[in-house]
Amino acid sequence: MTDTDTFVSDSIQFGNILTTRSEDRVSAQFESDDSTVVRIVRTGPRTRDDVPIGTRASKFLTAHVNEREIKVIPGMGRVFRRSYRITVDLGDRFLSVRPQDLETFVLVGGKSYEMEKRLADIKLLSDGSVDFLLASSIKVVVLNKTVVPPEMKVEDALVAAALATAFGTGSMSFTSIVTGFVGAAIPG
């Protein structure tokens, strides 16, 4: 990685997002409008080589939307998929991400367990860009109801792009890890 890398991602709803990553910081803003900027900065030592920003310890992270401070609370990111969840306290509301599979995380408008507030599936691609798949309406047959996802806000798309770039996306499930160990232990 060079000193600073910039990636362009299509947010689908709002246009292209420019995400910039260096050793200890990530920023995201729209290509067409630089009035809103989301920044995540590592303020302490690099404690994790497997995390692009270098840590999952919230005490070593600061984050801002423009000049307003927000709080990024990552899980420890060990063994269980749920430990890779990240919650962002925006002051007046929460955003969360949680791994869905090996490459994707789910962006939720609220706490990570609030499925009805699913905004999008997010994937960090190998070229550094972020892929957005917006949530669609779901018909719940048992209740004969249609659950319509909330609309993603401009700030949500920027936070999602910054989180994906700072922490990566996805995680292996515990079942996959155990299966891998069992498969490795059985001689072929």
C-alpha atoms as a PDB file:
ATOM      1  CA  MET A   1       0.000   0.000   0.000  1.00  0.00           C
ATOM      2  CA  THR A   2       1.243   3.488  -0.789  1.00  0.00           C
ATOM      3  CA  ASP A   3       1.068   6.293   1.773  1.00  0.00           C
ATOM      4  CA  THR A   4      -2.498   7.130   0.736  1.00  0.00           C
ATOM      5  CA  ASP A   5      -4.845   5.167  -1.524  1.00  0.00           C
ATOM      6  CA  THR A   6      -8.118   6.503  -2.938  1.00  0.00           C
ATOM      7  CA  PHE A   7     -10.969   4.290  -4.131  1.00  0.00           C
ATOM      8  CA  VAL A   8     -14.173   5.144  -5.999  1.00  0.00           C
ATOM      9  CA  SER A   9     -17.422   3.307  -5.152  1.00  0.00           C
ATOM     10  CA  ASP A  10     -20.949   3.704  -6.513  1.00  0.00           C
ATOM     11  CA  SER A  11     -23.382   4.167  -3.607  1.00  0.00           C
ATOM     12  CA  ILE A  12     -26.312   3.423  -5.952  1.00  0.00           C
ATOM     13  CA  GLN A  13     -28.573   6.154  -4.477  1.00  0.00           C
ATOM     14  CA  PHE A  14     -26.280   9.127  -3.979  1.00  0.00           C
ATOM     15  CA  GLY A  15     -23.487   8.869  -6.550  1.00  0.00           C
ATOM     16  CA  ASN A  16     -19.811   8.005  -6.264  1.00  0.00           C
ATOM     17  CA  ILE A  17     -18.059   7.867  -2.904  1.00  0.00           C
ATOM     18  CA  LEU A  18     -14.343   8.647  -2.690  1.00  0.00           C
ATOM     19  CA  THR A  19     -12.748   6.629   0.095  1.00  0.00           C
ATOM     20  CA  THR A  20      -9.192   7.452   1.132  1.00  0.00           C
ATOM     21  CA  ARG A  21      -7.116   5.071   3.263  1.00  0.00           C
ATOM     22  CA  SER A  22      -3.706   5.478   4.844  1.00  0.00           C
ATOM     23  CA  GLU A  23      -1.889   3.554   7.585  1.00  0.00           C
ATOM     24  CA  ASP A  24      -3.965   5.010  10.436  1.00  0.00           C
ATOM     25  CA  ARG A  25      -7.015   6.728   8.918  1.00  0.00           C
ATOM     26  CA  VAL A  26      -9.922   6.370   6.545  1.00  0.00           C
ATOM     27  CA  SER A  27     -12.155   9.072   5.127  1.00  0.00           C
ATOM     28  CA  ALA A  28     -15.227   8.893   2.897  1.00  0.00           C
ATOM     29  CA  GLN A  29     -16.989  11.659   1.000  1.00  0.00           C
ATOM     30  CA  PHE A  30     -19.033  12.026  -2.146  1.00  0.00           C
ATOM     31  CA  GLU A  31     -17.215  12.756  -5.381  1.00  0.00           C
ATOM     32  CA  SER A  32     -19.788  15.368  -6.361  1.00  0.00           C
ATOM     33  CA  ASP A  33     -20.162  17.074  -2.986  1.00  0.00           C
ATOM     34  CA  ASP A  34     -17.406  17.429  -0.410  1.00  0.00           C
ATOM     35  CA  SER A  35     -19.594  19.005   2.287  1.00  0.00           C
ATOM     36  CA  THR A  36     -19.985  15.782   4.318  1.00  0.00           C
ATOM     37  CA  VAL A  37     -16.875  13.819   5.296  1.00  0.00           C
ATOM     38  CA  VAL A  38     -16.722  10.752   7.538  1.00  0.00           C
ATOM     39  CA  ARG A  39     -13.337  10.079   9.148  1.00  0.00           C
ATOM     40  CA  ILE A  40     -12.122   7.167  11.256  1.00  0.00           C
ATOM     41  CA  VAL A  41      -8.656   7.604  12.782  1.00  0.00           C
ATOM     42  CA  ARG A  42      -6.516   5.181  14.764  1.00  0.00           C
ATOM     43  CA  THR A  43      -5.017   7.203  17.628  1.00  0.00           C
ATOM     44  CA  GLY A  44      -3.071   4.410  19.328  1.00  0.00           C
ATOM     45  CA  PRO A  45      -0.680   1.671  18.289  1.00  0.00           C
ATOM     46  CA  ARG A  46      -1.358  -0.878  15.576  1.00  0.00           C
ATOM     47  CA  THR A  47      -2.636  -3.907  17.480  1.00  0.00           C
ATOM     48  CA  ARG A  48      -4.008  -6.016  14.596  1.00  0.00           C
ATOM     49  CA  ASP A  49      -2.364  -6.779  11.266  1.00  0.00           C
ATOM     50  CA  ASP A  50      -5.551  -8.389   9.915  1.00  0.00           C
ATOM     51  CA  VAL A  51      -7.511  -5.116  10.182  1.00  0.00           C
ATOM     52  CA  PRO A  52      -6.767  -2.407   7.591  1.00  0.00           C
ATOM     53  CA  ILE A  53      -6.902   0.450  10.124  1.00  0.00           C
ATOM     54  CA  GLY A  54      -4.790  -1.596  12.540  1.00  0.00           C
ATOM     55  CA  THR A  55      -7.054  -2.036  15.571  1.00  0.00           C
ATOM     56  CA  ARG A  56     -10.491  -3.123  16.742  1.00  0.00           C
ATOM     57  CA  ALA A  57     -10.038  -1.413  20.132  1.00  0.00           C
ATOM     58  CA  SER A  58     -12.497   1.499  20.404  1.00  0.00           C
ATOM     59  CA  LYS A  59     -10.184   3.281  22.854  1.00  0.00           C
ATOM     60  CA  PHE A  60      -7.690   3.693  19.978  1.00  0.00           C
ATOM     61  CA  LEU A  61     -10.257   5.075  17.510  1.00  0.00           C
ATOM     62  CA  THR A  62     -11.812   8.470  16.939  1.00  0.00           C
ATOM     63  CA  ALA A  63     -14.450   9.175  14.332  1.00  0.00           C
ATOM     64  CA  HIS A  64     -16.195  12.255  12.979  1.00  0.00           C
ATOM     65  CA  VAL A  65     -18.909  13.263  10.545  1.00  0.00           C
ATOM     66  CA  ASN A  66     -17.555  16.651   9.501  1.00  0.00           C
ATOM     67  CA  GLU A  67     -16.691  18.167  12.918  1.00  0.00           C
ATOM     68  CA  ARG A  68     -19.285  16.176  14.909  1.00  0.00           C
ATOM     69  CA  GLU A  69     -17.738  13.351  16.909  1.00  0.00           C
ATOM     70  CA  ILE A  70     -19.298   9.913  16.580  1.00  0.00           C
ATOM     71  CA  LYS A  71     -18.396   6.729  18.425  1.00  0.00           C
ATOM     72  CA  VAL A  72     -17.266   3.562  16.626  1.00  0.00           C
ATOM     73  CA  ILE A  73     -17.572   0.437  18.800  1.00  0.00           C
ATOM     74  CA  PRO A  74     -16.118  -2.649  17.082  1.00  0.00           C
ATOM     75  CA  GLY A  75     -16.410  -6.138  18.538  1.00  0.00           C
ATOM     76  CA  MET A  76     -13.181  -7.981  19.287  1.00  0.00           C
ATOM     77  CA  GLY A  77     -13.230  -9.880  15.974  1.00  0.00           C
ATOM     78  CA  ARG A  78     -12.300 -13.333  17.251  1.00  0.00           C
ATOM     79  CA  VAL A  79     -13.666 -16.795  16.318  1.00  0.00           C
ATOM     80  CA  PHE A  80     -17.434 -16.155  16.452  1.00  0.00           C
ATOM     81  CA  ARG A  81     -19.003 -14.158  13.642  1.00  0.00           C
ATOM     82  CA  ARG A  82     -21.000 -12.034  16.093  1.00  0.00           C
ATOM     83  CA  SER A  83     -17.686 -10.758  17.549  1.00  0.00           C
ATOM     84  CA  TYR A  84     -17.065  -8.939  14.234  1.00  0.00           C
ATOM     85  CA  ARG A  85     -20.074  -6.653  14.688  1.00  0.00           C
ATOM     86  CA  ILE A  86     -19.501  -2.901  14.771  1.00  0.00           C
ATOM     87  CA  THR A  87     -21.907  -0.329  16.207  1.00  0.00           C
ATOM     88  CA  VAL A  88     -21.693   3.375  15.425  1.00  0.00           C
ATOM     89  CA  ASP A  89     -23.286   5.863  17.815  1.00  0.00           C
ATOM     90  CA  LEU A  90     -24.199   8.905  15.727  1.00  0.00           C
ATOM     91  CA  GLY A  91     -25.566  10.780  18.742  1.00  0.00           C
ATOM     92  CA  ASP A  92     -29.224  10.738  17.737  1.00  0.00           C
ATOM     93  CA  ARG A  93     -29.312   7.179  16.367  1.00  0.00           C
ATOM     94  CA  PHE A  94     -27.241   4.053  15.779  1.00  0.00           C
ATOM     95  CA  LEU A  95     -25.902   2.238  12.726  1.00  0.00           C
ATOM     96  CA  SER A  96     -24.543  -1.294  12.911  1.00  0.00           C
ATOM     97  CA  VAL A  97     -22.754  -3.720  10.661  1.00  0.00           C
ATOM     98  CA  ARG A  98     -22.537  -7.453  11.115  1.00  0.00           C
ATOM     99  CA  PRO A  99     -20.990 -10.138   8.918  1.00  0.00           C
ATOM    100  CA  GLN A 100     -23.394 -12.047   6.739  1.00  0.00           C
ATOM    101  CA  ASP A 101     -20.899 -14.380   5.100  1.00  0.00           C
ATOM    102  CA  LEU A 102     -17.199 -14.544   4.304  1.00  0.00           C
ATOM    103  CA  GLU A 103     -17.199 -11.368   2.162  1.00  0.00           C
ATOM    104  CA  THR A 104     -20.278  -9.304   3.081  1.00  0.00           C
ATOM    105  CA  PHE A 105     -21.652  -7.368   5.999  1.00  0.00           C
ATOM    106  CA  VAL A 106     -25.194  -6.187   6.613  1.00  0.00           C
ATOM    107  CA  LEU A 107     -25.766  -2.480   7.327  1.00  0.00           C
ATOM    108  CA  VAL A 108     -28.580  -1.975   9.852  1.00  0.00           C
ATOM    109  CA  GLY A 109     -30.212   1.313  10.848  1.00  0.00           C
ATOM    110  CA  GLY A 110     -30.098   0.657  14.594  1.00  0.00           C
ATOM    111  CA  LYS A 111     -28.567  -2.052  16.745  1.00  0.00           C
ATOM    112  CA  SER A 112     -27.224  -5.121  14.941  1.00  0.00           C
ATOM    113  CA  TYR A 113     -30.144  -7.388  15.934  1.00  0.00           C
ATOM    114  CA  GLU A 114     -32.823  -5.116  14.356  1.00  0.00           C
ATOM    115  CA  MET A 115     -33.401  -7.086  11.128  1.00  0.00           C
ATOM    116  CA  GLU A 116     -36.382  -4.998  10.034  1.00  0.00           C
ATOM    117  CA  LYS A 117     -34.052  -1.994   9.767  1.00  0.00           C
ATOM    118  CA  ARG A 118     -31.690  -3.606   7.239  1.00  0.00           C
ATOM    119  CA  LEU A 119     -30.419  -0.930   4.857  1.00  0.00           C
ATOM    120  CA  ALA A 120     -27.947  -2.721   2.581  1.00  0.00           C
ATOM    121  CA  ASP A 121     -25.414  -5.473   2.118  1.00  0.00           C
ATOM    122  CA  ILE A 122     -21.885  -4.105   1.822  1.00  0.00           C
ATOM    123  CA  LYS A 123     -18.821  -5.806   0.337  1.00  0.00           C
ATOM    124  CA  LEU A 124     -15.234  -4.536   0.163  1.00  0.00           C
ATOM    125  CA  LEU A 125     -13.950  -5.544  -3.272  1.00  0.00           C
ATOM    126  CA  SER A 126     -10.365  -6.568  -4.042  1.00  0.00           C
ATOM    127  CA  ASP A 127      -9.710  -3.248  -5.837  1.00  0.00           C
ATOM    128  CA  GLY A 128     -10.548  -1.316  -2.622  1.00  0.00           C
ATOM    129  CA  SER A 129     -13.962  -0.105  -3.762  1.00  0.00           C
ATOM    130  CA  VAL A 130     -17.150  -0.835  -1.823  1.00  0.00           C
ATOM    131  CA  ASP A 131     -20.132  -2.607  -3.376  1.00  0.00           C
ATOM    132  CA  PHE A 132     -23.631  -1.618  -2.144  1.00  0.00           C
ATOM    133  CA  LEU A 133     -26.657  -3.905  -2.525  1.00  0.00           C
ATOM    134  CA  LEU A 134     -29.650  -1.999  -1.179  1.00  0.00           C
ATOM    135  CA  ALA A 135     -32.212  -3.895   0.896  1.00  0.00           C
ATOM    136  CA  SER A 136     -35.495  -4.697  -0.803  1.00  0.00           C
ATOM    137  CA  SER A 137     -38.987  -5.194   0.577  1.00  0.00           C
ATOM    138  CA  ILE A 138     -39.661  -8.612   2.089  1.00  0.00           C
ATOM    139  CA  LYS A 139     -43.058 -10.303   2.272  1.00  0.00           C
ATOM    140  CA  VAL A 140     -43.509 -12.236   5.514  1.00  0.00           C
ATOM    141  CA  VAL A 141     -45.943 -14.980   4.491  1.00  0.00           C
ATOM    142  CA  VAL A 142     -46.932 -16.114   7.986  1.00  0.00           C
ATOM    143  CA  LEU A 143     -48.052 -12.647   9.001  1.00  0.00           C
ATOM    144  CA  ASN A 144     -49.142 -11.638   5.482  1.00  0.00           C
ATOM    145  CA  LYS A 145     -47.143  -8.435   5.865  1.00  0.00           C
ATOM    146  CA  THR A 146     -44.589  -6.717   3.724  1.00  0.00           C
ATOM    147  CA  VAL A 147     -41.586  -5.354   5.571  1.00  0.00           C
ATOM    148  CA  VAL A 148     -40.281  -2.266   3.807  1.00  0.00           C
ATOM    149  CA  PRO A 149     -36.711  -1.334   4.720  1.00  0.00           C
ATOM    150  CA  PRO A 150     -35.983   2.201   5.851  1.00  0.00           C
ATOM    151  CA  GLU A 151     -34.282   4.469   3.348  1.00  0.00           C
ATOM    152  CA  MET A 152     -30.543   4.817   3.625  1.00  0.00           C
ATOM    153  CA  LYS A 153     -29.409   8.376   4.328  1.00  0.00           C
ATOM    154  CA  VAL A 154     -26.412  10.120   2.791  1.00  0.00           C
ATOM    155  CA  GLU A 155     -24.549   9.855   6.090  1.00  0.00           C
ATOM    156  CA  ASP A 156     -25.314   6.105   6.309  1.00  0.00           C
ATOM    157  CA  ALA A 157     -23.682   5.402   2.936  1.00  0.00           C
ATOM    158  CA  LEU A 158     -20.555   7.344   3.917  1.00  0.00           C
ATOM    159  CA  VAL A 159     -20.294   5.610   7.310  1.00  0.00           C
ATOM    160  CA  ALA A 160     -20.729   2.194   5.635  1.00  0.00           C
ATOM    161  CA  ALA A 161     -17.989   2.921   3.090  1.00  0.00           C
ATOM    162  CA  ALA A 162     -15.636   4.157   5.825  1.00  0.00           C
ATOM    163  CA  LEU A 163     -16.316   1.090   8.024  1.00  0.00           C
ATOM    164  CA  ALA A 164     -15.776  -1.332   5.134  1.00  0.00           C
ATOM    165  CA  THR A 165     -12.490   0.343   4.236  1.00  0.00           C
ATOM    166  CA  ALA A 166     -11.290   0.592   7.852  1.00  0.00           C
ATOM    167  CA  PHE A 167     -12.263  -2.904   9.052  1.00  0.00           C
ATOM    168  CA  GLY A 168     -12.970  -5.023   5.982  1.00  0.00           C
ATOM    169  CA  THR A 169     -16.200  -6.950   5.471  1.00  0.00           C
ATOM    170  CA  GLY A 170     -17.380 -10.464   6.246  1.00  0.00           C
ATOM    171  CA  SER A 171     -16.218 -13.219   8.539  1.00  0.00           C
ATOM    172  CA  MET A 172     -16.059 -16.996   8.650  1.00  0.00           C
ATOM    173  CA  SER A 173     -18.715 -18.735  10.691  1.00  0.00           C
ATOM    174  CA  PHE A 174     -17.727 -20.870  13.674  1.00  0.00           C
ATOM    175  CA  THR A 175     -19.082 -23.903  11.792  1.00  0.00           C
ATOM    176  CA  SER A 176     -16.744 -23.184   8.855  1.00  0.00           C
ATOM    177  CA  ILE A 177     -13.777 -22.889  11.201  1.00  0.00           C
ATOM    178  CA  VAL A 178     -14.574 -26.204  12.945  1.00  0.00           C
ATOM    179  CA  THR A 179     -15.186 -27.938   9.598  1.00  0.00           C
ATOM    180  CA  GLY A 180     -11.815 -26.657   8.371  1.00  0.00           C
ATOM    181  CA  PHE A 181     -10.033 -28.018  11.454  1.00  0.00           C
ATOM    182  CA  VAL A 182     -11.780 -31.386  11.153  1.00  0.00           C
ATOM    183  CA  GLY A 183     -11.006 -31.571   7.437  1.00  0.00           C
ATOM    184  CA  ALA A 184      -7.341 -30.752   8.084  1.00  0.00           C
ATOM    185  CA  ALA A 185      -7.103 -33.401  10.821  1.00  0.00           C
ATOM    186  CA  ILE A 186      -8.447 -36.224   8.634  1.00  0.00           C
ATOM    187  CA  PRO A 187      -5.661 -37.609   6.425  1.00  0.00           C
ATOM    188  CA  GLY A 188      -6.540 -37.567   2.742  1.00  0.00           C
END
